[in-house]
PDB file of N, CA and C in Angstrom:
ATOM      1  N   UNK A   1      84.535  82.213 135.984  1.00  0.00           N
ATOM      2  CA  UNK A   1      84.499  83.683 136.115  1.00  0.00           C
ATOM      3  C   UNK A   1      84.623  84.081 134.633  1.00  0.00           C
ATOM      4  N   UNK A   2      84.244  85.350 134.367  1.00  0.00           N
ATOM      5  CA  UNK A   2      83.767  85.866 133.027  1.00  0.00           C
ATOM      6  C   UNK A   2      84.648  87.086 133.044  1.00  0.00           C
ATOM      7  N   UNK A   3      85.022  87.431 131.824  1.00  0.00           N
ATOM      8  CA  UNK A   3      85.822  88.898 131.617  1.00  0.00           C
ATOM      9  C   UNK A   3      84.681  89.737 131.574  1.00  0.00           C
ATOM     10  N   UNK A   4      84.725  91.014 132.344  1.00  0.00           N
ATOM     11  CA  UNK A   4      83.706  91.978 132.355  1.00  0.00           C
ATOM     12  C   UNK A   4      83.688  92.558 131.035  1.00  0.00           C
ATOM     13  N   UNK A   5      84.466  92.696 130.224  1.00  0.00           N
ATOM     14  CA  UNK A   5      84.792  93.328 128.897  1.00  0.00           C
ATOM     15  C   UNK A   5      84.153  92.379 127.881  1.00  0.00           C
ATOM     16  N   UNK A   6      84.474  91.091 127.559  1.00  0.00           N
ATOM     17  CA  UNK A   6      84.205  90.519 126.471  1.00  0.00           C
ATOM     18  C   UNK A   6      83.265  89.277 126.859  1.00  0.00           C
ATOM     19  N   UNK A   7      83.224  88.838 128.110  1.00  0.00           N
ATOM     20  CA  UNK A   7      82.433  88.053 128.488  1.00  0.00           C
ATOM     21  C   UNK A   7      82.989  86.574 128.475  1.00  0.00           C
ATOM     22  N   UNK A   8      84.092  86.261 128.024  1.00  0.00           N
ATOM     23  CA  UNK A   8      84.829  84.880 127.830  1.00  0.00           C
ATOM     24  C   UNK A   8      84.934  84.431 129.147  1.00  0.00           C
ATOM     25  N   UNK A   9      85.134  83.098 129.409  1.00  0.00           N
ATOM     26  CA  UNK A   9      85.202  82.379 130.461  1.00  0.00           C
ATOM     27  C   UNK A   9      86.680  82.431 131.000  1.00  0.00           C
ATOM     28  N   UNK A  10      87.102  82.932 132.042  1.00  0.00           N
ATOM     29  CA  UNK A  10      88.433  83.040 132.526  1.00  0.00           C
ATOM     30  C   UNK A  10      88.684  81.954 134.001  1.00  0.00           C
ATOM     31  N   UNK A  11      89.961  81.831 133.951  1.00  0.00           N
ATOM     32  CA  UNK A  11      90.666  81.106 135.198  1.00  0.00           C
ATOM     33  C   UNK A  11      90.715  82.257 136.197  1.00  0.00           C
ATOM     34  N   UNK A  12      90.494  81.844 137.329  1.00  0.00           N
ATOM     35  CA  UNK A  12      90.579  82.866 138.557  1.00  0.00           C
ATOM     36  C   UNK A  12      91.982  83.377 138.761  1.00  0.00           C
ATOM     37  N   UNK A  13      93.053  82.815 138.320  1.00  0.00           N
ATOM     38  CA  UNK A  13      94.356  83.242 138.401  1.00  0.00           C
ATOM     39  C   UNK A  13      94.863  84.163 137.455  1.00  0.00           C
ATOM     40  N   UNK A  14      94.048  84.539 136.265  1.00  0.00           N
ATOM     41  CA  UNK A  14      94.534  85.572 135.214  1.00  0.00           C
ATOM     42  C   UNK A  14      94.616  86.895 135.625  1.00  0.00           C
ATOM     43  N   UNK A  15      95.358  87.738 135.354  1.00  0.00           N
ATOM     44  CA  UNK A  15      95.507  89.143 135.787  1.00  0.00           C
ATOM     45  C   UNK A  15      95.320  89.896 134.367  1.00  0.00           C
ATOM     46  N   UNK A  16      95.150  89.220 133.255  1.00  0.00           N
ATOM     47  CA  UNK A  16      94.698  89.990 131.835  1.00  0.00           C
ATOM     48  C   UNK A  16      93.906  88.878 130.978  1.00  0.00           C
ATOM     49  N   UNK A  17      92.658  89.371 130.543  1.00  0.00           N
ATOM     50  CA  UNK A  17      91.805  88.346 129.680  1.00  0.00           C
ATOM     51  C   UNK A  17      92.833  88.038 128.389  1.00  0.00           C
ATOM     52  N   UNK A  18      92.786  86.729 128.063  1.00  0.00           N
ATOM     53  CA  UNK A  18      93.664  86.286 126.793  1.00  0.00           C
ATOM     54  C   UNK A  18      92.908  86.682 125.599  1.00  0.00           C
ATOM     55  N   UNK A  19      91.639  86.823 125.620  1.00  0.00           N
ATOM     56  CA  UNK A  19      90.776  87.055 124.619  1.00  0.00           C
ATOM     57  C   UNK A  19      90.896  88.512 124.217  1.00  0.00           C
ATOM     58  N   UNK A  20      90.566  89.552 125.065  1.00  0.00           N
ATOM     59  CA  UNK A  20      90.471  90.945 124.775  1.00  0.00           C
ATOM     60  C   UNK A  20      91.616  91.796 125.267  1.00  0.00           C
ATOM     61  N   UNK A  21      92.401  91.183 126.376  1.00  0.00           N
ATOM     62  CA  UNK A  21      93.622  91.857 126.780  1.00  0.00           C
ATOM     63  C   UNK A  21      93.382  92.850 127.875  1.00  0.00           C
ATOM     64  N   UNK A  22      92.046  92.897 128.564  1.00  0.00           N
ATOM     65  CA  UNK A  22      91.760  93.859 129.489  1.00  0.00           C
ATOM     66  C   UNK A  22      92.407  93.484 130.896  1.00  0.00           C
ATOM     67  N   UNK A  23      92.980  94.268 131.617  1.00  0.00           N
ATOM     68  CA  UNK A  23      93.354  94.153 133.019  1.00  0.00           C
ATOM     69  C   UNK A  23      92.411  93.659 133.585  1.00  0.00           C
ATOM     70  N   UNK A  24      92.717  92.853 134.504  1.00  0.00           N
ATOM     71  CA  UNK A  24      91.417  92.123 135.507  1.00  0.00           C
ATOM     72  C   UNK A  24      91.790  92.520 136.855  1.00  0.00           C
ATOM     73  N   UNK A  25      90.728  93.303 137.439  1.00  0.00           N
ATOM     74  CA  UNK A  25      90.892  94.021 138.729  1.00  0.00           C
ATOM     75  C   UNK A  25      90.527  92.545 139.915  1.00  0.00           C
ATOM     76  N   UNK A  26      91.439  92.369 140.576  1.00  0.00           N
ATOM     77  CA  UNK A  26      91.433  91.212 141.587  1.00  0.00           C
ATOM     78  C   UNK A  26      90.146  91.421 142.516  1.00  0.00           C
ATOM     79  N   UNK A  27      89.705  92.734 143.005  1.00  0.00           N
ATOM     80  CA  UNK A  27      88.530  92.992 143.698  1.00  0.00           C
ATOM     81  C   UNK A  27      87.235  92.628 142.830  1.00  0.00           C
ATOM     82  N   UNK A  28      87.243  92.939 141.684  1.00  0.00           N
ATOM     83  CA  UNK A  28      86.127  92.593 140.538  1.00  0.00           C
ATOM     84  C   UNK A  28      86.204  91.076 140.444  1.00  0.00           C
ATOM     85  N   UNK A  29      87.270  90.566 140.493  1.00  0.00           N
ATOM     86  CA  UNK A  29      87.506  88.998 140.401  1.00  0.00           C
ATOM     87  C   UNK A  29      86.683  88.288 141.652  1.00  0.00           C
ATOM     88  N   UNK A  30      87.099  88.714 142.848  1.00  0.00           N
ATOM     89  CA  UNK A  30      86.531  88.043 143.873  1.00  0.00           C
ATOM     90  C   UNK A  30      85.036  88.279 143.916  1.00  0.00           C
ATOM     91  N   UNK A  31      84.451  89.605 143.588  1.00  0.00           N
ATOM     92  CA  UNK A  31      82.903  89.597 143.344  1.00  0.00           C
ATOM     93  C   UNK A  31      82.515  88.894 142.483  1.00  0.00           C
ATOM     94  N   UNK A  32      83.177  88.680 141.398  1.00  0.00           N
ATOM     95  CA  UNK A  32      82.587  87.804 140.354  1.00  0.00           C
ATOM     96  C   UNK A  32      82.516  86.163 140.842  1.00  0.00           C
ATOM     97  N   UNK A  33      83.484  85.935 141.467  1.00  0.00           N
ATOM     98  CA  UNK A  33      83.509  84.335 142.017  1.00  0.00           C
ATOM     99  C   UNK A  33      82.437  84.275 143.092  1.00  0.00           C
ATOM    100  N   UNK A  34      82.095  85.258 143.988  1.00  0.00           N
ATOM    101  CA  UNK A  34      81.274  85.120 144.954  1.00  0.00           C
ATOM    102  C   UNK A  34      79.891  85.204 144.258  1.00  0.00           C
ATOM    103  N   UNK A  35      79.705  86.042 143.253  1.00  0.00           N
ATOM    104  CA  UNK A  35      78.255  86.287 142.625  1.00  0.00           C
ATOM    105  C   UNK A  35      78.146  84.906 141.881  1.00  0.00           C
ATOM    106  N   UNK A  36      79.099  84.229 141.254  1.00  0.00           N
ATOM    107  CA  UNK A  36      78.830  82.906 140.497  1.00  0.00           C
ATOM    108  C   UNK A  36      78.482  81.991 141.427  1.00  0.00           C
ATOM    109  N   UNK A  37      79.222  81.789 142.457  1.00  0.00           N
ATOM    110  CA  UNK A  37      78.917  80.802 143.816  1.00  0.00           C
ATOM    111  C   UNK A  37      77.341  80.878 144.091  1.00  0.00           C
ATOM    112  N   UNK A  38      76.928  82.086 144.380  1.00  0.00           N
ATOM    113  CA  UNK A  38      75.539  82.574 144.719  1.00  0.00           C
ATOM    114  C   UNK A  38      74.672  82.060 143.651  1.00  0.00           C
ATOM    115  N   UNK A  39      74.801  82.368 142.461  1.00  0.00           N
ATOM    116  CA  UNK A  39      74.047  82.136 141.531  1.00  0.00           C
ATOM    117  C   UNK A  39      73.752  80.613 141.446  1.00  0.00           C
ATOM    118  N   UNK A  40      75.086  79.859 141.503  1.00  0.00           N
ATOM    119  CA  UNK A  40      74.787  78.240 141.403  1.00  0.00           C
ATOM    120  C   UNK A  40      74.104  77.719 142.486  1.00  0.00           C
ATOM    121  N   UNK A  41      74.214  78.209 143.809  1.00  0.00           N
ATOM    122  CA  UNK A  41      73.635  77.881 144.972  1.00  0.00           C
ATOM    123  C   UNK A  41      72.018  78.166 144.791  1.00  0.00           C
ATOM    124  N   UNK A  42      71.792  79.456 144.347  1.00  0.00           N
ATOM    125  CA  UNK A  42      70.127  79.582 144.155  1.00  0.00           C
ATOM    126  C   UNK A  42      69.645  78.476 143.084  1.00  0.00           C
ATOM    127  N   UNK A  43      70.339  78.302 142.000  1.00  0.00           N
ATOM    128  CA  UNK A  43      69.826  77.180 141.183  1.00  0.00           C
ATOM    129  C   UNK A  43      69.376  76.026 141.625  1.00  0.00           C
ATOM    130  N   UNK A  44      70.616  75.432 142.513  1.00  0.00           N
ATOM    131  CA  UNK A  44      70.311  74.208 143.307  1.00  0.00           C
ATOM    132  C   UNK A  44      69.115  74.319 144.311  1.00  0.00           C
ATOM    133  N   UNK A  45      68.862  75.488 145.137  1.00  0.00           N
ATOM    134  CA  UNK A  45      67.996  75.554 145.940  1.00  0.00           C
ATOM    135  C   UNK A  45      66.653  75.712 145.140  1.00  0.00           C
ATOM    136  N   UNK A  46      66.562  76.388 144.268  1.00  0.00           N
ATOM    137  CA  UNK A  46      65.356  76.534 143.603  1.00  0.00           C
ATOM    138  C   UNK A  46      64.857  75.207 142.844  1.00  0.00           C
ATOM    139  N   UNK A  47      65.843  74.299 142.442  1.00  0.00           N
ATOM    140  CA  UNK A  47      65.562  73.094 141.630  1.00  0.00           C
ATOM    141  C   UNK A  47      65.098  72.199 142.923  1.00  0.00           C
ATOM    142  N   UNK A  48      65.657  72.055 144.145  1.00  0.00           N
ATOM    143  CA  UNK A  48      65.029  71.373 145.182  1.00  0.00           C
ATOM    144  C   UNK A  48      63.806  71.622 145.611  1.00  0.00           C
ATOM    145  N   UNK A  49      63.619  73.069 145.589  1.00  0.00           N
ATOM    146  CA  UNK A  49      62.287  73.375 146.220  1.00  0.00           C
ATOM    147  C   UNK A  49      61.229  73.163 145.068  1.00  0.00           C
ATOM    148  N   UNK A  50      61.571  72.917 143.748  1.00  0.00           N
ATOM    149  CA  UNK A  50      60.753  72.624 142.595  1.00  0.00           C
ATOM    150  C   UNK A  50      60.321  71.259 142.970  1.00  0.00           C
ATOM    151  N   UNK A  51      61.198  70.140 143.390  1.00  0.00           N
ATOM    152  CA  UNK A  51      61.016  68.769 143.633  1.00  0.00           C
ATOM    153  C   UNK A  51      60.225  68.644 144.768  1.00  0.00           C
ATOM    154  N   UNK A  52      60.459  69.401 145.652  1.00  0.00           N
ATOM    155  CA  UNK A  52      59.575  69.481 146.978  1.00  0.00           C
ATOM    156  C   UNK A  52      57.995  69.868 146.494  1.00  0.00           C
ATOM    157  N   UNK A  53      57.949  70.761 145.917  1.00  0.00           N
ATOM    158  CA  UNK A  53      56.581  71.083 145.493  1.00  0.00           C
ATOM    159  C   UNK A  53      55.859  70.076 144.604  1.00  0.00           C
ATOM    160  N   UNK A  54      56.566  69.645 143.745  1.00  0.00           N
ATOM    161  CA  UNK A  54      56.064  68.711 142.809  1.00  0.00           C
ATOM    162  C   UNK A  54      55.637  67.172 143.652  1.00  0.00           C
ATOM    163  N   UNK A  55      56.313  66.904 144.530  1.00  0.00           N
ATOM    164  CA  UNK A  55      56.166  65.741 145.877  1.00  0.00           C
ATOM    165  C   UNK A  55      54.889  66.127 146.441  1.00  0.00           C
ATOM    166  N   UNK A  56      54.928  67.428 146.925  1.00  0.00           N
ATOM    167  CA  UNK A  56      53.734  67.606 147.764  1.00  0.00           C
ATOM    168  C   UNK A  56      52.326  67.691 147.040  1.00  0.00           C
ATOM    169  N   UNK A  57      52.648  68.370 145.888  1.00  0.00           N
ATOM    170  CA  UNK A  57      51.479  68.502 144.959  1.00  0.00           C
ATOM    171  C   UNK A  57      50.916  66.889 144.537  1.00  0.00           C
ATOM    172  N   UNK A  58      51.722  65.976 144.123  1.00  0.00           N
ATOM    173  CA  UNK A  58      51.424  64.742 144.071  1.00  0.00           C
ATOM    174  C   UNK A  58      50.741  63.896 145.223  1.00  0.00           C
ATOM    175  N   UNK A  59      51.264  64.306 146.394  1.00  0.00           N
ATOM    176  CA  UNK A  59      50.662  63.665 147.407  1.00  0.00           C
ATOM    177  C   UNK A  59      49.232  64.556 147.866  1.00  0.00           C
ATOM    178  N   UNK A  60      49.023  65.693 147.691  1.00  0.00           N
ATOM    179  CA  UNK A  60      47.845  66.284 147.562  1.00  0.00           C
ATOM    180  C   UNK A  60      46.914  65.762 146.739  1.00  0.00           C
ATOM    181  N   UNK A  61      47.141  65.495 145.479  1.00  0.00           N
ATOM    182  CA  UNK A  61      46.320  64.603 144.417  1.00  0.00           C
ATOM    183  C   UNK A  61      45.710  63.484 144.926  1.00  0.00           C
ATOM    184  N   UNK A  62      46.726  62.536 145.295  1.00  0.00           N
ATOM    185  CA  UNK A  62      46.403  61.203 145.996  1.00  0.00           C
ATOM    186  C   UNK A  62      45.316  61.461 147.118  1.00  0.00           C
ATOM    187  N   UNK A  63      45.531  62.357 148.086  1.00  0.00           N
ATOM    188  CA  UNK A  63      44.559  62.399 149.127  1.00  0.00           C
ATOM    189  C   UNK A  63      43.400  63.094 148.650  1.00  0.00           C
ATOM    190  N   UNK A  64      43.279  63.753 147.792  1.00  0.00           N
ATOM    191  CA  UNK A  64      42.143  64.484 147.266  1.00  0.00           C
ATOM    192  C   UNK A  64      41.371  63.187 146.621  1.00  0.00           C
ATOM    193  N   UNK A  65      42.013  62.240 145.841  1.00  0.00           N
ATOM    194  CA  UNK A  65      41.172  61.396 145.282  1.00  0.00           C
ATOM    195  C   UNK A  65      40.673  60.376 146.169  1.00  0.00           C
ATOM    196  N   UNK A  66      41.469  59.947 147.442  1.00  0.00           N
ATOM    197  CA  UNK A  66      40.945  59.278 148.149  1.00  0.00           C
ATOM    198  C   UNK A  66      40.120  59.991 149.203  1.00  0.00           C
ATOM    199  N   UNK A  67      39.883  61.045 149.429  1.00  0.00           N
ATOM    200  CA  UNK A  67      38.749  61.756 149.951  1.00  0.00           C
ATOM    201  C   UNK A  67      37.521  61.587 149.087  1.00  0.00           C
ATOM    202  N   UNK A  68      37.580  62.073 147.861  1.00  0.00           N
ATOM    203  CA  UNK A  68      36.640  62.039 146.923  1.00  0.00           C
ATOM    204  C   UNK A  68      35.963  60.393 146.856  1.00  0.00           C
ATOM    205  N   UNK A  69      36.870  59.301 146.800  1.00  0.00           N
ATOM    206  CA  UNK A  69      36.375  57.902 146.909  1.00  0.00           C
ATOM    207  C   UNK A  69      35.644  57.793 148.196  1.00  0.00           C
ATOM    208  N   UNK A  70      36.259  58.218 149.377  1.00  0.00           N
ATOM    209  CA  UNK A  70      35.401  58.003 150.542  1.00  0.00           C
ATOM    210  C   UNK A  70      34.140  58.505 150.839  1.00  0.00           C
ATOM    211  N   UNK A  71      34.026  59.966 150.245  1.00  0.00           N
ATOM    212  CA  UNK A  71      32.651  60.471 150.185  1.00  0.00           C
ATOM    213  C   UNK A  71      31.845  59.739 149.437  1.00  0.00           C
ATOM    214  N   UNK A  72      32.184  59.335 148.256  1.00  0.00           N
ATOM    215  CA  UNK A  72      31.111  58.748 147.141  1.00  0.00           C
ATOM    216  C   UNK A  72      30.834  57.477 147.727  1.00  0.00           C
ATOM    217  N   UNK A  73      31.452  56.705 148.667  1.00  0.00           N
ATOM    218  CA  UNK A  73      31.067  55.218 148.688  1.00  0.00           C
ATOM    219  C   UNK A  73      30.770  55.177 150.256  1.00  0.00           C
ATOM    220  N   UNK A  74      30.645  56.412 150.953  1.00  0.00           N
ATOM    221  CA  UNK A  74      30.392  55.960 152.480  1.00  0.00           C
ATOM    222  C   UNK A  74      28.815  56.088 152.438  1.00  0.00           C
ATOM    223  N   UNK A  75      28.172  55.200 153.293  1.00  0.00           N
ATOM    224  CA  UNK A  75      26.617  55.091 153.288  1.00  0.00           C
ATOM    225  C   UNK A  75      26.263  56.311 154.040  1.00  0.00           C
ATOM    226  N   UNK A  76      25.075  56.356 153.847  1.00  0.00           N
ATOM    227  CA  UNK A  76      24.292  57.775 154.325  1.00  0.00           C
ATOM    228  C   UNK A  76      23.299  57.304 155.283  1.00  0.00           C
ATOM    229  N   UNK A  77      23.466  57.627 156.654  1.00  0.00           N
ATOM    230  CA  UNK A  77      22.402  57.061 157.636  1.00  0.00           C
ATOM    231  C   UNK A  77      21.306  58.270 157.593  1.00  0.00           C
ATOM    232  N   UNK A  78      20.177  57.759 157.439  1.00  0.00           N
ATOM    233  CA  UNK A  78      19.024  59.140 157.822  1.00  0.00           C
ATOM    234  C   UNK A  78      18.096  58.599 159.096  1.00  0.00           C
TER     235      UNK A  78
END
């Protein structure tokens, strides 16, 4: 959690920011904890999605190469 005034990292049990002295609103603290959790979750999901896309892209490239090899080596019947 970060101080809404100075941006310093805080522990969730603080009532005041030790850096700038601002009083910390418990509702704001809860909102920040929830927001931080969702931000971390979004980063994990985004990273997982990128790994999946890279894997699919690699598989598609392999299939494209295989298809190209098949099409260029297949005998033509007339």
